[in-house]
N, C-alpha and C. Protein backbone atom coordinates (compact mmCIF):
# COMPACT_ATOMS: atom_id res chain seq x y z
N MET A 1 64.48 139.80 101.14
CA MET A 1 65.51 138.81 100.92
C MET A 1 66.39 139.21 99.74
N ASN A 2 65.79 139.77 98.71
CA ASN A 2 66.53 140.21 97.54
C ASN A 2 67.54 141.30 97.89
N VAL A 3 67.10 142.26 98.73
CA VAL A 3 67.97 143.35 99.15
C VAL A 3 69.15 142.81 99.95
N MET A 4 68.87 141.87 100.85
CA MET A 4 69.93 141.29 101.66
C MET A 4 70.94 140.56 100.77
N GLY A 5 70.45 139.80 99.81
CA GLY A 5 71.34 139.10 98.89
C GLY A 5 72.22 140.05 98.10
N SER A 6 71.64 141.15 97.65
CA SER A 6 72.41 142.15 96.90
C SER A 6 73.49 142.77 97.77
N LYS A 7 73.15 143.08 99.02
CA LYS A 7 74.12 143.68 99.94
C LYS A 7 75.26 142.71 100.23
N MET A 8 74.92 141.43 100.44
CA MET A 8 75.94 140.43 100.71
C MET A 8 76.87 140.26 99.50
N PHE A 9 76.29 140.25 98.30
CA PHE A 9 77.10 140.12 97.09
C PHE A 9 78.04 141.32 96.94
N GLU A 10 77.51 142.51 97.20
CA GLU A 10 78.32 143.73 97.11
C GLU A 10 79.49 143.68 98.08
N LEU A 11 79.23 143.31 99.34
CA LEU A 11 80.29 143.23 100.33
C LEU A 11 81.29 142.13 99.96
N HIS A 12 80.78 141.02 99.45
CA HIS A 12 81.66 139.91 99.08
C HIS A 12 82.67 140.35 98.02
N SER A 13 82.26 141.20 97.11
CA SER A 13 83.17 141.64 96.06
C SER A 13 84.13 142.73 96.53
N LEU A 14 83.78 143.47 97.57
CA LEU A 14 84.62 144.57 98.04
C LEU A 14 85.57 144.17 99.16
N ILE A 15 85.09 143.41 100.11
CA ILE A 15 85.84 143.18 101.34
C ILE A 15 87.09 142.32 101.16
N PRO A 16 87.07 141.23 100.40
CA PRO A 16 88.24 140.35 100.39
C PRO A 16 89.56 141.03 100.10
N LYS A 17 89.59 142.04 99.25
CA LYS A 17 90.84 142.73 98.93
C LYS A 17 91.50 143.26 100.21
N GLN A 18 90.75 143.94 101.03
CA GLN A 18 91.29 144.51 102.26
C GLN A 18 91.29 143.50 103.40
N PHE A 19 90.29 142.66 103.44
CA PHE A 19 90.13 141.75 104.57
C PHE A 19 91.33 140.85 104.74
N ASN A 20 91.82 140.29 103.65
CA ASN A 20 92.96 139.38 103.75
C ASN A 20 94.19 140.05 104.32
N SER A 21 94.39 141.33 104.03
CA SER A 21 95.59 142.01 104.51
C SER A 21 95.45 142.53 105.94
N THR A 22 94.24 142.68 106.43
CA THR A 22 94.08 143.26 107.77
C THR A 22 93.46 142.31 108.79
N ILE A 23 93.03 141.13 108.40
CA ILE A 23 92.33 140.24 109.34
C ILE A 23 93.22 139.86 110.52
N GLU A 24 94.49 139.64 110.28
CA GLU A 24 95.37 139.26 111.39
C GLU A 24 95.44 140.36 112.44
N GLU A 25 95.48 141.62 111.99
CA GLU A 25 95.50 142.73 112.94
C GLU A 25 94.17 142.88 113.65
N LEU A 26 93.06 142.68 112.93
CA LEU A 26 91.75 142.86 113.55
C LEU A 26 91.46 141.79 114.59
N LYS A 27 92.00 140.59 114.41
CA LYS A 27 91.71 139.55 115.39
C LYS A 27 92.75 139.53 116.52
N GLY A 28 93.94 139.99 116.29
CA GLY A 28 95.00 140.13 117.28
C GLY A 28 94.96 139.26 118.51
N ASN A 29 93.93 139.40 119.32
CA ASN A 29 93.77 138.63 120.55
C ASN A 29 92.44 137.91 120.52
N CYS A 30 92.44 136.69 121.02
CA CYS A 30 91.18 135.97 121.20
C CYS A 30 91.10 135.58 122.67
N ASN A 31 89.97 135.85 123.27
CA ASN A 31 89.74 135.50 124.66
C ASN A 31 88.54 134.58 124.75
N LEU A 32 88.65 133.57 125.59
CA LEU A 32 87.55 132.67 125.85
C LEU A 32 87.01 133.04 127.23
N ARG A 33 85.74 133.38 127.30
CA ARG A 33 85.16 133.86 128.55
C ARG A 33 83.96 133.00 128.93
N LEU A 34 83.97 132.53 130.17
CA LEU A 34 82.82 131.81 130.73
C LEU A 34 82.01 132.80 131.54
N MET A 35 80.71 132.87 131.25
CA MET A 35 79.84 133.82 131.94
C MET A 35 78.74 133.05 132.67
N LYS A 36 78.52 133.42 133.92
CA LYS A 36 77.49 132.80 134.75
C LYS A 36 76.48 133.87 135.13
N TYR A 37 75.21 133.59 134.89
CA TYR A 37 74.14 134.51 135.24
C TYR A 37 73.30 133.85 136.32
N ARG A 38 73.27 134.47 137.47
CA ARG A 38 72.54 133.89 138.61
C ARG A 38 71.04 134.08 138.46
N VAL A 39 70.32 133.23 139.18
CA VAL A 39 68.87 133.33 139.25
C VAL A 39 68.53 134.62 139.99
N PRO A 40 67.55 135.39 139.50
CA PRO A 40 67.15 136.61 140.22
C PRO A 40 66.69 136.27 141.63
N GLU A 41 67.18 137.01 142.62
CA GLU A 41 66.87 136.70 144.02
C GLU A 41 65.47 137.13 144.43
N ILE A 42 65.05 138.31 144.01
CA ILE A 42 63.78 138.86 144.48
C ILE A 42 62.61 138.40 143.62
N ASN A 43 62.68 138.69 142.34
CA ASN A 43 61.57 138.39 141.43
C ASN A 43 62.07 137.41 140.38
N LYS A 44 61.70 136.16 140.50
CA LYS A 44 62.19 135.13 139.59
C LYS A 44 61.66 135.27 138.18
N ASP A 45 60.73 136.21 137.97
CA ASP A 45 60.16 136.39 136.65
C ASP A 45 60.88 137.46 135.83
N CYS A 46 61.72 138.27 136.45
CA CYS A 46 62.32 139.35 135.68
C CYS A 46 63.59 139.85 136.36
N GLY A 47 64.72 139.51 135.80
CA GLY A 47 65.98 140.01 136.34
C GLY A 47 66.94 140.30 135.22
N ILE A 48 67.65 141.40 135.32
CA ILE A 48 68.65 141.74 134.31
C ILE A 48 69.92 140.96 134.63
N GLY A 49 70.39 140.19 133.67
CA GLY A 49 71.63 139.46 133.83
C GLY A 49 72.81 140.23 133.27
N LEU A 50 72.56 141.01 132.23
CA LEU A 50 73.59 141.83 131.60
C LEU A 50 72.90 142.99 130.90
N ALA A 51 73.33 144.19 131.21
CA ALA A 51 72.70 145.41 130.68
C ALA A 51 72.88 145.50 129.16
N PRO A 52 72.02 146.25 128.48
CA PRO A 52 72.14 146.41 127.02
C PRO A 52 73.49 147.00 126.63
N HIS A 53 74.08 146.45 125.57
CA HIS A 53 75.39 146.90 125.10
C HIS A 53 75.67 146.36 123.70
N THR A 54 76.67 146.93 123.05
CA THR A 54 77.28 146.33 121.87
C THR A 54 78.65 145.85 122.31
N ASP A 55 79.16 144.84 121.64
CA ASP A 55 80.47 144.32 122.02
C ASP A 55 81.58 145.24 121.51
N LYS A 56 82.59 145.43 122.31
CA LYS A 56 83.72 146.29 121.96
C LYS A 56 84.81 145.48 121.26
N THR A 57 84.40 144.40 120.64
CA THR A 57 85.29 143.46 119.98
C THR A 57 85.22 143.61 118.46
N THR A 58 85.98 142.77 117.78
CA THR A 58 85.82 142.63 116.33
C THR A 58 84.65 141.70 116.07
N LEU A 59 84.67 140.54 116.71
CA LEU A 59 83.64 139.52 116.52
C LEU A 59 83.50 138.73 117.82
N THR A 60 82.28 138.32 118.14
CA THR A 60 82.02 137.50 119.32
C THR A 60 81.20 136.30 118.89
N ILE A 61 81.61 135.12 119.35
CA ILE A 61 80.85 133.89 119.10
C ILE A 61 80.42 133.35 120.46
N LEU A 62 79.11 133.15 120.63
CA LEU A 62 78.55 132.70 121.90
C LEU A 62 77.91 131.32 121.78
N CYS A 63 78.06 130.53 122.83
CA CYS A 63 77.36 129.27 122.98
C CYS A 63 76.84 129.25 124.42
N GLN A 64 75.64 128.75 124.64
CA GLN A 64 75.05 128.80 125.98
C GLN A 64 74.50 127.44 126.38
N ASN A 65 74.17 127.32 127.69
CA ASN A 65 73.46 126.13 128.13
C ASN A 65 72.00 126.25 127.72
N GLU A 66 71.15 125.38 128.24
CA GLU A 66 69.74 125.36 127.81
C GLU A 66 68.92 126.54 128.32
N VAL A 67 69.46 127.34 129.22
CA VAL A 67 68.71 128.47 129.78
C VAL A 67 68.79 129.65 128.82
N GLN A 68 67.64 130.04 128.30
CA GLN A 68 67.57 131.17 127.37
C GLN A 68 67.66 132.49 128.15
N GLY A 69 67.65 133.60 127.45
CA GLY A 69 67.70 134.90 128.11
C GLY A 69 68.34 135.99 127.26
N LEU A 70 68.97 135.59 126.15
CA LEU A 70 69.61 136.57 125.29
C LEU A 70 68.55 137.29 124.46
N GLU A 71 68.61 138.63 124.46
CA GLU A 71 67.67 139.45 123.70
C GLU A 71 68.45 140.44 122.85
N VAL A 72 67.89 140.76 121.68
CA VAL A 72 68.53 141.67 120.73
C VAL A 72 67.57 142.80 120.40
N LEU A 73 68.10 144.01 120.30
CA LEU A 73 67.31 145.19 119.96
C LEU A 73 67.20 145.28 118.44
N THR A 74 65.96 145.37 117.93
CA THR A 74 65.73 145.47 116.49
C THR A 74 65.92 146.91 116.02
N LYS A 75 65.89 147.11 114.71
CA LYS A 75 65.99 148.46 114.15
C LYS A 75 64.79 149.32 114.50
N THR A 76 63.68 148.68 114.90
CA THR A 76 62.48 149.42 115.30
C THR A 76 62.41 149.58 116.82
N ASN A 77 63.55 149.39 117.49
CA ASN A 77 63.67 149.55 118.95
C ASN A 77 62.78 148.62 119.76
N GLN A 78 62.62 147.40 119.29
CA GLN A 78 61.89 146.37 120.02
C GLN A 78 62.87 145.29 120.45
N TRP A 79 62.74 144.83 121.68
CA TRP A 79 63.58 143.73 122.15
C TRP A 79 62.95 142.41 121.71
N ILE A 80 63.76 141.55 121.09
CA ILE A 80 63.27 140.22 120.74
C ILE A 80 64.12 139.17 121.44
N LYS A 81 63.46 138.12 121.89
CA LYS A 81 64.16 137.01 122.55
C LYS A 81 64.71 136.08 121.48
N LEU A 82 65.97 135.71 121.63
CA LEU A 82 66.56 134.74 120.72
C LEU A 82 66.33 133.35 121.30
N ASN A 83 65.83 132.46 120.50
CA ASN A 83 65.66 131.07 120.92
C ASN A 83 66.79 130.28 120.29
N ILE A 84 67.84 130.10 121.05
CA ILE A 84 69.04 129.46 120.53
C ILE A 84 68.94 127.96 120.80
N PRO A 85 69.02 127.14 119.76
CA PRO A 85 68.91 125.70 119.97
C PRO A 85 70.11 125.16 120.77
N GLN A 86 69.88 124.07 121.48
CA GLN A 86 70.95 123.42 122.25
C GLN A 86 72.13 123.16 121.33
N GLY A 87 73.31 123.60 121.72
CA GLY A 87 74.51 123.41 120.92
C GLY A 87 74.67 124.42 119.79
N GLY A 88 73.74 125.37 119.69
CA GLY A 88 73.82 126.39 118.65
C GLY A 88 74.76 127.52 119.03
N PHE A 89 75.11 128.32 118.06
CA PHE A 89 76.00 129.45 118.27
C PHE A 89 75.33 130.74 117.81
N VAL A 90 75.71 131.84 118.45
CA VAL A 90 75.29 133.17 118.03
C VAL A 90 76.57 133.95 117.72
N VAL A 91 76.57 134.66 116.61
CA VAL A 91 77.73 135.46 116.22
C VAL A 91 77.32 136.92 116.22
N PHE A 92 78.07 137.74 116.97
CA PHE A 92 77.82 139.17 117.02
C PHE A 92 78.98 139.91 116.36
N VAL A 93 78.65 140.82 115.45
CA VAL A 93 79.62 141.76 114.93
C VAL A 93 79.89 142.76 116.05
N GLY A 94 81.14 143.05 116.33
CA GLY A 94 81.48 144.02 117.36
C GLY A 94 81.68 145.42 116.78
N ASP A 95 81.88 146.38 117.67
CA ASP A 95 82.07 147.77 117.26
C ASP A 95 83.24 147.93 116.28
N ILE A 96 84.28 147.13 116.46
CA ILE A 96 85.47 147.29 115.62
C ILE A 96 85.18 146.89 114.18
N LEU A 97 84.48 145.79 113.98
CA LEU A 97 84.13 145.37 112.62
C LEU A 97 83.11 146.33 112.01
N LYS A 98 82.23 146.87 112.84
CA LYS A 98 81.28 147.88 112.34
C LYS A 98 82.04 149.10 111.82
N ALA A 99 83.01 149.59 112.61
CA ALA A 99 83.79 150.76 112.19
C ALA A 99 84.61 150.45 110.94
N TRP A 100 85.28 149.30 110.94
CA TRP A 100 86.12 148.93 109.80
C TRP A 100 85.30 148.82 108.52
N SER A 101 84.06 148.32 108.62
CA SER A 101 83.20 148.14 107.44
C SER A 101 82.44 149.42 107.07
N ASN A 102 82.76 150.52 107.75
CA ASN A 102 82.08 151.80 107.50
C ASN A 102 80.58 151.72 107.79
N GLY A 103 80.24 150.90 108.78
CA GLY A 103 78.85 150.77 109.18
C GLY A 103 78.02 149.83 108.32
N ARG A 104 78.64 149.19 107.36
CA ARG A 104 77.89 148.24 106.51
C ARG A 104 77.54 146.98 107.28
N LEU A 105 78.36 146.62 108.26
CA LEU A 105 78.04 145.52 109.16
C LEU A 105 77.57 146.14 110.47
N HIS A 106 76.49 145.62 111.01
CA HIS A 106 75.83 146.23 112.17
C HIS A 106 76.23 145.51 113.46
N ALA A 107 76.60 146.28 114.47
CA ALA A 107 76.86 145.73 115.80
C ALA A 107 75.55 145.78 116.59
N ALA A 108 74.96 144.63 116.80
CA ALA A 108 73.64 144.56 117.45
C ALA A 108 73.74 144.84 118.95
N THR A 109 72.83 145.68 119.43
CA THR A 109 72.69 145.89 120.86
C THR A 109 71.97 144.68 121.43
N HIS A 110 72.51 144.12 122.50
CA HIS A 110 71.92 142.93 123.10
C HIS A 110 72.06 142.97 124.61
N LYS A 111 71.29 142.12 125.28
CA LYS A 111 71.31 142.04 126.74
C LYS A 111 70.93 140.62 127.14
N VAL A 112 71.11 140.33 128.42
CA VAL A 112 70.65 139.06 128.98
C VAL A 112 69.64 139.39 130.06
N LYS A 113 68.48 138.77 129.95
CA LYS A 113 67.41 138.96 130.92
C LYS A 113 67.10 137.59 131.52
N MET A 114 67.20 137.50 132.82
CA MET A 114 67.04 136.21 133.50
C MET A 114 65.60 136.00 133.96
N PHE A 115 65.14 134.77 133.80
CA PHE A 115 63.81 134.35 134.25
C PHE A 115 63.95 132.97 134.89
N GLY A 116 62.98 132.61 135.71
CA GLY A 116 62.92 131.25 136.23
C GLY A 116 63.88 130.99 137.36
N ASP A 117 64.22 129.70 137.53
CA ASP A 117 65.00 129.30 138.70
C ASP A 117 66.27 128.51 138.35
N LYS A 118 66.76 128.67 137.13
CA LYS A 118 68.00 128.01 136.72
C LYS A 118 69.05 129.05 136.35
N GLU A 119 70.30 128.75 136.70
CA GLU A 119 71.39 129.63 136.31
C GLU A 119 71.68 129.47 134.82
N ARG A 120 72.14 130.54 134.22
CA ARG A 120 72.47 130.53 132.79
C ARG A 120 73.99 130.62 132.66
N TYR A 121 74.52 129.78 131.81
CA TYR A 121 75.95 129.81 131.51
C TYR A 121 76.12 130.03 130.01
N SER A 122 77.11 130.81 129.66
CA SER A 122 77.47 130.93 128.25
C SER A 122 78.98 131.04 128.15
N VAL A 123 79.48 130.61 127.01
CA VAL A 123 80.90 130.71 126.71
C VAL A 123 81.02 131.61 125.49
N GLY A 124 81.88 132.60 125.60
CA GLY A 124 82.08 133.53 124.48
C GLY A 124 83.52 133.49 124.00
N LEU A 125 83.69 133.41 122.70
CA LEU A 125 85.00 133.58 122.09
C LEU A 125 85.01 134.99 121.53
N LEU A 126 85.85 135.85 122.12
CA LEU A 126 85.88 137.26 121.77
C LEU A 126 87.18 137.56 121.03
N SER A 127 87.06 138.10 119.85
CA SER A 127 88.21 138.44 119.03
C SER A 127 88.33 139.96 118.96
N ASN A 128 89.51 140.46 119.28
CA ASN A 128 89.72 141.91 119.22
C ASN A 128 91.18 142.21 118.88
N PRO A 129 91.41 143.40 118.31
CA PRO A 129 92.78 143.76 117.95
C PRO A 129 93.63 144.05 119.18
N LYS A 130 94.92 144.12 118.98
CA LYS A 130 95.80 144.60 120.04
C LYS A 130 95.59 146.10 120.17
N ASN A 131 95.92 146.64 121.32
CA ASN A 131 95.64 148.06 121.60
C ASN A 131 96.30 149.03 120.63
N ASP A 132 97.46 148.66 120.07
CA ASP A 132 98.17 149.60 119.19
C ASP A 132 97.79 149.46 117.71
N VAL A 133 96.76 148.70 117.41
CA VAL A 133 96.32 148.53 116.02
C VAL A 133 95.44 149.70 115.61
N LYS A 134 95.76 150.27 114.45
CA LYS A 134 94.97 151.37 113.90
C LYS A 134 93.85 150.78 113.03
N ILE A 135 92.63 151.18 113.34
CA ILE A 135 91.46 150.72 112.59
C ILE A 135 91.11 151.80 111.57
N GLU A 136 91.09 151.42 110.30
CA GLU A 136 90.76 152.36 109.22
C GLU A 136 89.75 151.73 108.28
N VAL A 137 88.83 152.54 107.81
CA VAL A 137 87.87 152.07 106.81
C VAL A 137 88.60 151.94 105.47
N PRO A 138 88.55 150.76 104.84
CA PRO A 138 89.17 150.61 103.51
C PRO A 138 88.50 151.55 102.50
N HIS A 139 89.30 152.14 101.63
CA HIS A 139 88.73 153.09 100.66
C HIS A 139 87.70 152.42 99.74
N GLU A 140 87.79 151.09 99.56
CA GLU A 140 86.81 150.38 98.72
C GLU A 140 85.41 150.41 99.31
N LEU A 141 85.30 150.68 100.61
CA LEU A 141 84.00 150.68 101.27
C LEU A 141 83.42 152.08 101.42
N VAL A 142 84.04 153.06 100.76
CA VAL A 142 83.58 154.45 100.85
C VAL A 142 83.27 154.97 99.46
N ASP A 143 82.11 155.58 99.32
CA ASP A 143 81.79 156.37 98.13
C ASP A 143 80.85 157.48 98.58
N GLN A 144 80.97 158.63 97.97
CA GLN A 144 80.24 159.81 98.45
C GLN A 144 78.73 159.72 98.24
N LYS A 145 78.28 158.93 97.26
CA LYS A 145 76.84 158.85 96.99
C LYS A 145 76.12 157.95 97.99
N MET A 146 76.49 156.70 98.04
CA MET A 146 75.76 155.71 98.83
C MET A 146 76.37 155.45 100.21
N HIS A 147 77.69 155.51 100.31
CA HIS A 147 78.37 155.13 101.55
C HIS A 147 79.48 156.13 101.89
N PRO A 148 79.11 157.35 102.28
CA PRO A 148 80.15 158.31 102.68
C PRO A 148 80.87 157.81 103.94
N LEU A 149 82.08 158.29 104.14
CA LEU A 149 82.86 157.89 105.30
C LEU A 149 82.11 158.21 106.59
N ARG A 150 81.91 157.20 107.44
CA ARG A 150 81.17 157.38 108.70
C ARG A 150 82.08 157.43 109.92
N TYR A 151 83.31 156.88 109.80
CA TYR A 151 84.19 156.78 110.96
C TYR A 151 85.61 157.19 110.61
N ARG A 152 86.21 158.00 111.50
CA ARG A 152 87.62 158.36 111.38
C ARG A 152 88.47 157.17 111.82
N SER A 153 89.71 157.13 111.38
CA SER A 153 90.61 156.07 111.84
C SER A 153 90.92 156.29 113.32
N PHE A 154 91.25 155.21 114.00
CA PHE A 154 91.50 155.28 115.44
C PHE A 154 92.33 154.07 115.88
N TYR A 155 92.91 154.19 117.06
CA TYR A 155 93.62 153.06 117.65
C TYR A 155 92.69 152.36 118.63
N TYR A 156 92.71 151.04 118.57
CA TYR A 156 91.79 150.25 119.40
C TYR A 156 91.93 150.58 120.88
N GLY A 157 93.15 150.71 121.37
CA GLY A 157 93.36 151.02 122.78
C GLY A 157 92.76 152.36 123.18
N ASP A 158 92.84 153.35 122.28
CA ASP A 158 92.24 154.66 122.57
C ASP A 158 90.73 154.55 122.68
N TYR A 159 90.13 153.72 121.82
CA TYR A 159 88.68 153.53 121.87
C TYR A 159 88.27 152.86 123.19
N LEU A 160 89.01 151.84 123.60
CA LEU A 160 88.69 151.18 124.88
C LEU A 160 88.83 152.16 126.04
N ASP A 161 89.89 152.97 126.03
CA ASP A 161 90.08 153.97 127.08
C ASP A 161 88.91 154.94 127.12
N TYR A 162 88.48 155.39 125.95
CA TYR A 162 87.34 156.31 125.88
C TYR A 162 86.08 155.66 126.45
N PHE A 163 85.82 154.45 126.01
CA PHE A 163 84.61 153.77 126.50
C PHE A 163 84.66 153.57 128.01
N CYS A 164 85.79 153.12 128.53
CA CYS A 164 85.91 152.85 129.97
C CYS A 164 85.84 154.12 130.81
N SER A 165 86.16 155.26 130.22
CA SER A 165 86.09 156.51 130.98
C SER A 165 84.72 157.18 130.88
N THR A 166 83.93 156.80 129.87
CA THR A 166 82.62 157.46 129.70
C THR A 166 81.44 156.52 129.83
N PHE A 167 81.63 155.26 129.49
CA PHE A 167 80.55 154.25 129.44
C PHE A 167 79.35 154.74 128.65
N LYS A 168 79.63 155.50 127.58
CA LYS A 168 78.54 155.98 126.72
C LYS A 168 77.90 154.81 125.99
N GLU A 169 76.58 154.89 125.86
CA GLU A 169 75.84 153.83 125.19
C GLU A 169 76.25 153.71 123.72
N ASN A 170 76.47 154.83 123.06
CA ASN A 170 76.85 154.82 121.66
C ASN A 170 78.29 155.34 121.52
N ALA A 171 79.21 154.67 122.20
CA ALA A 171 80.59 155.14 122.30
C ALA A 171 81.28 155.24 120.94
N LEU A 172 81.01 154.31 120.05
CA LEU A 172 81.69 154.31 118.76
C LEU A 172 81.40 155.59 117.98
N ASP A 173 80.13 155.94 117.86
CA ASP A 173 79.76 157.16 117.13
C ASP A 173 80.26 158.41 117.85
N ALA A 174 80.21 158.41 119.17
CA ALA A 174 80.66 159.57 119.93
C ALA A 174 82.17 159.76 119.80
N PHE A 175 82.92 158.67 119.76
CA PHE A 175 84.38 158.75 119.74
C PHE A 175 84.95 159.03 118.35
N ILE A 176 84.45 158.36 117.33
CA ILE A 176 85.06 158.49 116.00
C ILE A 176 84.07 158.77 114.88
N GLY A 177 82.82 158.95 115.22
CA GLY A 177 81.81 159.18 114.18
C GLY A 177 82.00 160.51 113.48
N ILE A 178 81.67 160.54 112.20
CA ILE A 178 81.78 161.77 111.40
C ILE A 178 80.39 162.35 111.24
């Protein structure tokens, strides 16, 4: 807990300088998406509703009905089920915010796994830049000792094109990683 608090304090002191000037570009577009996950037809005990992925957004906010199924991959490569309370929200850092923060903010790999006999619905608010926005790591978030530059600057549209043409699992690192 102490380490997490220190990291949050460090980011709090560094990010606002750049964040205020670039937040409008990073959020550019907001999309509201309704997602429906059907009951598995063959085996009601185990069905993939959405394959493992990171979001190609800046930030994603999710709200779901009472049907659970969202799972997140931990740093030790274990899938954990999220138990989201009724009316609760889940916030995912997307690949764009991960790149902009020089990897200090983590884009969690997640999936939806369906069980039982009820359909799952979720609503996602997805924030992403316009295609012509250049994503650059602020120099305040780079130092050669603790936080060397991890990502080259890139245009959001180019990253989406790359991902859609390759569907690589770790597209961000493959496309702009140093």
